[in-house]
Amino acid sequence: MEQARFAHLCSVMSGMHHRRTGYPFGSLVDFANDSMGHPIFSLSPLAIHTRNLLADPRCTLVVQVPGWSGLSNARVTIFGDVYPLPAEQQEWAHKQYVAKHQQWASQQWGNFYYYRMHNISDIYFIGGFGTVAWIDVKEYETIQPDKIAVDGGDLQSLKELNAIFSKPLREVLSSEGEVDDAALISVDSKGIDIRVRQGAQFNIQRLAFDVPHKVETLEEAKKALHKIIKDKQQIK
């Protein structure tokens, strides 16, 4: 949610459009998050999705990891209710937008108004093949973004890590049973998640970094991964 700048907003088609009432209506929007991870939107009163939300605030926001290249990449669906923010919070919402987009975002194009997903009722996360989970909303609202996940956890960084570590990780994990493929799917300050394939079966394994300090950069993650592999090779 912190990495992505755009998402698909799916609202319920309202009766005012005189067509397809009640059908899901998907549209591409930009967004920012507040401190609790609730999405904030800059919406035009002329847009169909804005009119839909004013008639029925229920919606979902489908967010893909930046650099999306296929179904093996992560995405999340946020369920909630979106309402316009009161006038006294419009300037605050604008600052959230500028901080994320480093520009005026949609506001620069016309008479836009800020909205917020006030109620998050559920969160459905898919981290790729074999990684599906319903996320606890309270946990999501209280957790803080991880620095390396935000600054160094994009797809390009993961591709770089996989190019270096996928094969040695597969070899060290094979000590517990033959592993056909091992792919890093996420990295954070405490460790990595690996999608392991054994034949037609997929599972996710977590490897924690064994370093005295918090890992905050991609280079530090590489050093910590080299240490994990070296330690496991010595045990093997």
Protein backbone atom coordinates (compact mmCIF):
# COMPACT_ATOMS: atom_id res chain seq x y z
CA MET A 1 0.00 0.00 0.00
CA GLU A 2 2.91 2.35 0.68
CA GLN A 3 4.71 1.46 -2.54
CA ALA A 4 1.75 1.72 -4.92
CA ARG A 5 0.49 5.04 -6.27
CA PHE A 6 -2.41 3.79 -8.40
CA ALA A 7 -5.13 1.18 -7.90
CA HIS A 8 -8.41 -0.11 -9.28
CA LEU A 9 -11.43 1.26 -7.44
CA CYS A 10 -14.50 -0.95 -7.75
CA SER A 11 -17.78 0.75 -6.84
CA VAL A 12 -21.44 -0.21 -7.25
CA MET A 13 -23.09 1.32 -10.31
CA SER A 14 -25.80 3.71 -9.12
CA GLY A 15 -29.25 4.18 -10.63
CA MET A 16 -28.52 7.75 -11.69
CA HIS A 17 -26.63 6.49 -14.74
CA HIS A 18 -29.69 4.68 -16.15
CA ARG A 19 -27.63 1.69 -17.18
CA ARG A 20 -26.07 -1.36 -15.50
CA THR A 21 -27.42 -0.41 -12.08
CA GLY A 22 -26.01 -2.67 -9.37
CA TYR A 23 -23.11 -3.96 -11.46
CA PRO A 24 -19.50 -3.53 -10.24
CA PHE A 25 -17.79 -0.56 -11.87
CA GLY A 26 -13.98 -0.58 -11.99
CA SER A 27 -11.85 2.50 -12.57
CA LEU A 28 -8.21 3.45 -12.21
CA VAL A 29 -7.45 6.04 -9.51
CA ASP A 30 -4.46 7.46 -7.69
CA PHE A 31 -4.41 7.34 -3.90
CA ALA A 32 -2.43 8.01 -0.75
CA ASN A 33 -2.61 6.49 2.73
CA ASP A 34 -3.12 8.10 6.11
CA SER A 35 -1.16 6.94 9.19
CA MET A 36 -3.56 4.00 9.69
CA GLY A 37 -3.25 2.83 6.09
CA HIS A 38 -6.70 4.05 5.09
CA PRO A 39 -6.72 5.10 1.41
CA ILE A 40 -7.41 8.75 0.54
CA PHE A 41 -8.70 9.63 -2.93
CA SER A 42 -8.84 12.83 -4.96
CA LEU A 43 -12.06 12.49 -6.96
CA SER A 44 -13.89 14.58 -9.51
CA PRO A 45 -17.62 15.18 -8.97
CA LEU A 46 -18.09 14.38 -12.67
CA ALA A 47 -16.57 10.89 -12.45
CA ILE A 48 -18.90 7.88 -12.48
CA HIS A 49 -17.09 6.30 -9.52
CA THR A 50 -17.61 9.47 -7.45
CA ARG A 51 -21.34 9.45 -8.13
CA ASN A 52 -21.44 5.75 -7.34
CA LEU A 53 -19.76 6.28 -3.95
CA LEU A 54 -22.08 9.12 -3.04
CA ALA A 55 -25.05 6.83 -3.67
CA ASP A 56 -23.46 3.71 -2.11
CA PRO A 57 -20.13 4.03 -0.24
CA ARG A 58 -19.34 0.30 -0.43
CA CYS A 59 -16.34 -0.48 -2.61
CA THR A 60 -13.11 -2.43 -2.97
CA LEU A 61 -9.67 -1.13 -3.84
CA VAL A 62 -7.42 -3.56 -5.74
CA VAL A 63 -3.75 -2.63 -5.34
CA GLN A 64 -0.92 -4.30 -7.27
CA VAL A 65 2.74 -4.20 -6.36
CA PRO A 66 4.51 -1.63 -8.57
CA GLY A 67 6.08 -3.23 -11.62
CA TRP A 68 3.36 -5.87 -11.83
CA SER A 69 4.28 -8.47 -14.45
CA GLY A 70 1.96 -11.43 -13.78
CA LEU A 71 -0.08 -13.50 -11.37
CA SER A 72 3.00 -14.50 -9.39
CA ASN A 73 3.23 -10.88 -8.12
CA ALA A 74 1.58 -9.55 -4.97
CA ARG A 75 -1.75 -7.73 -4.82
CA VAL A 76 -4.27 -6.86 -2.15
CA THR A 77 -8.00 -6.11 -2.12
CA ILE A 78 -9.24 -3.65 0.52
CA PHE A 79 -12.96 -3.75 1.35
CA GLY A 80 -14.49 -0.60 2.83
CA ASP A 81 -16.78 2.41 2.72
CA VAL A 82 -15.64 5.67 1.13
CA TYR A 83 -17.02 9.07 2.16
CA PRO A 84 -16.05 12.67 1.35
CA LEU A 85 -13.84 14.30 3.96
CA PRO A 86 -15.23 17.40 5.70
CA ALA A 87 -13.99 20.81 4.55
CA GLU A 88 -11.66 21.23 7.52
CA GLN A 89 -9.76 18.02 6.55
CA GLN A 90 -9.30 18.81 2.85
CA GLU A 91 -5.97 20.60 3.36
CA TRP A 92 -4.70 17.76 5.55
CA ALA A 93 -5.63 15.22 2.85
CA HIS A 94 -3.92 17.36 0.21
CA LYS A 95 -0.67 17.21 2.21
CA GLN A 96 -0.90 13.39 2.32
CA TYR A 97 -1.20 13.39 -1.46
CA VAL A 98 1.70 15.74 -2.06
CA ALA A 99 3.91 13.67 0.29
CA LYS A 100 3.26 10.50 -1.70
CA HIS A 101 2.99 11.75 -5.27
CA GLN A 102 5.42 14.69 -5.02
CA GLN A 103 2.98 16.73 -7.06
CA TRP A 104 -0.56 18.07 -6.94
CA ALA A 105 -1.87 14.66 -7.99
CA SER A 106 -5.36 14.79 -9.53
CA GLN A 107 -6.11 18.17 -7.92
CA GLN A 108 -4.21 19.97 -10.63
CA TRP A 109 -6.76 18.98 -13.27
CA GLY A 110 -9.94 20.55 -11.94
CA ASN A 111 -12.53 20.77 -9.18
CA PHE A 112 -11.48 17.68 -7.24
CA TYR A 113 -12.41 16.83 -3.66
CA TYR A 114 -10.77 14.46 -1.18
CA TYR A 115 -12.45 11.27 0.01
CA ARG A 116 -11.30 8.63 2.49
CA MET A 117 -12.05 4.96 3.07
CA HIS A 118 -13.31 5.47 6.63
CA ASN A 119 -14.33 1.88 7.34
CA ILE A 120 -12.09 -0.99 6.29
CA SER A 121 -14.14 -4.14 6.77
CA ASP A 122 -11.74 -6.74 5.32
CA ILE A 123 -8.42 -7.21 3.57
CA TYR A 124 -7.60 -10.03 1.13
CA PHE A 125 -3.92 -10.50 0.26
CA ILE A 126 -2.40 -12.62 -2.52
CA GLY A 127 1.39 -12.78 -2.55
CA GLY A 128 1.59 -14.95 -5.66
CA PHE A 129 0.98 -18.64 -6.23
CA GLY A 130 0.39 -20.43 -2.94
CA THR A 131 0.24 -17.23 -0.86
CA VAL A 132 -3.31 -16.25 0.09
CA ALA A 133 -4.48 -14.75 3.37
CA TRP A 134 -7.22 -12.66 4.96
CA ILE A 135 -5.44 -9.92 6.92
CA ASP A 136 -6.62 -8.78 10.34
CA VAL A 137 -7.84 -5.19 9.94
CA LYS A 138 -6.74 -4.05 13.41
CA GLU A 139 -3.25 -5.42 12.83
CA TYR A 140 -3.11 -3.64 9.47
CA GLU A 141 -4.19 -0.32 10.99
CA THR A 142 -1.59 -0.38 13.77
CA ILE A 143 1.45 -1.67 11.88
CA GLN A 144 4.06 0.76 10.55
CA PRO A 145 5.54 0.48 7.04
CA ASP A 146 8.87 -1.33 6.99
CA LYS A 147 11.66 0.86 5.59
CA ILE A 148 13.27 -1.76 3.36
CA ALA A 149 9.89 -3.03 2.18
CA VAL A 150 9.01 0.50 1.07
CA ASP A 151 12.41 1.60 -0.25
CA GLY A 152 13.92 -1.67 -1.45
CA GLY A 153 11.13 -4.22 -1.75
CA ASP A 154 9.97 -3.40 -5.27
CA LEU A 155 9.89 -5.97 -8.04
CA GLN A 156 13.17 -4.82 -9.57
CA SER A 157 14.96 -5.31 -6.25
CA LEU A 158 13.38 -8.74 -5.81
CA LYS A 159 14.49 -9.71 -9.33
CA GLU A 160 18.03 -8.64 -8.44
CA LEU A 161 17.98 -10.67 -5.21
CA ASN A 162 16.54 -13.72 -6.98
CA ALA A 163 19.22 -13.55 -9.68
CA ILE A 164 21.86 -13.83 -6.94
CA PHE A 165 20.22 -16.01 -4.29
CA SER A 166 17.49 -18.19 -5.83
CA LYS A 167 19.82 -21.07 -6.76
CA PRO A 168 21.86 -21.16 -3.50
CA LEU A 169 18.64 -20.90 -1.45
CA ARG A 170 17.14 -23.83 -3.37
CA GLU A 171 20.27 -25.84 -2.63
CA VAL A 172 20.34 -25.16 1.11
CA LEU A 173 16.59 -25.73 1.46
CA SER A 174 16.92 -29.09 -0.33
CA SER A 175 18.54 -30.48 2.80
CA GLU A 176 15.01 -30.78 4.20
CA GLY A 177 13.60 -32.40 1.03
CA GLU A 178 14.13 -31.95 -2.69
CA VAL A 179 13.23 -28.39 -3.75
CA ASP A 180 12.52 -27.69 -7.42
CA ASP A 181 12.38 -23.91 -7.13
CA ALA A 182 12.90 -21.21 -4.48
CA ALA A 183 11.88 -17.61 -5.22
CA LEU A 184 12.11 -14.59 -2.94
CA ILE A 185 8.70 -12.93 -2.87
CA SER A 186 9.30 -10.28 -0.19
CA VAL A 187 12.05 -8.74 1.89
CA ASP A 188 11.79 -6.62 5.02
CA SER A 189 14.03 -5.49 7.89
CA LYS A 190 13.74 -8.83 9.70
CA GLY A 191 14.02 -11.38 6.93
CA ILE A 192 12.72 -12.81 3.66
CA ASP A 193 9.74 -14.84 2.50
CA ILE A 194 10.48 -17.58 -0.04
CA ARG A 195 7.96 -19.37 -2.23
CA VAL A 196 9.18 -22.97 -2.36
CA ARG A 197 8.01 -25.41 -5.03
CA GLN A 198 8.29 -29.14 -4.56
CA GLY A 199 6.74 -30.81 -7.57
CA ALA A 200 3.23 -29.37 -7.88
CA GLN A 201 3.16 -28.23 -4.25
CA PHE A 202 3.88 -24.67 -3.14
CA ASN A 203 4.59 -23.41 0.37
CA ILE A 204 6.00 -20.27 1.90
CA GLN A 205 9.06 -20.35 4.14
CA ARG A 206 10.35 -17.53 6.29
CA LEU A 207 14.07 -17.00 6.87
CA ALA A 208 15.02 -14.46 9.54
CA PHE A 209 18.13 -12.30 9.25
CA ASP A 210 20.73 -13.13 11.91
CA VAL A 211 22.36 -9.72 12.22
CA PRO A 212 22.82 -7.42 15.26
CA HIS A 213 21.05 -4.46 13.65
CA LYS A 214 17.89 -3.82 11.64
CA VAL A 215 18.35 -4.28 7.89
CA GLU A 216 17.29 -1.10 6.09
CA THR A 217 18.90 -1.18 2.63
CA LEU A 218 19.14 -3.62 -0.26
CA GLU A 219 22.91 -3.91 0.22
CA GLU A 220 22.44 -4.79 3.90
CA ALA A 221 19.85 -7.39 2.87
CA LYS A 222 22.36 -8.96 0.46
CA LYS A 223 24.96 -9.24 3.21
CA ALA A 224 22.41 -10.76 5.59
CA LEU A 225 21.34 -13.27 2.92
CA HIS A 226 24.95 -14.26 2.23
CA LYS A 227 25.29 -14.93 5.97
CA ILE A 228 22.12 -17.07 6.05
CA ILE A 229 23.34 -19.19 3.13
CA LYS A 230 26.86 -19.53 4.54
CA ASP A 231 25.54 -20.59 7.96
CA LYS A 232 23.18 -23.16 6.43
CA GLN A 233 25.89 -24.54 4.16
CA GLN A 234 28.15 -25.05 7.18
CA ILE A 235 25.37 -26.91 9.01
CA LYS A 236 24.71 -29.02 5.91
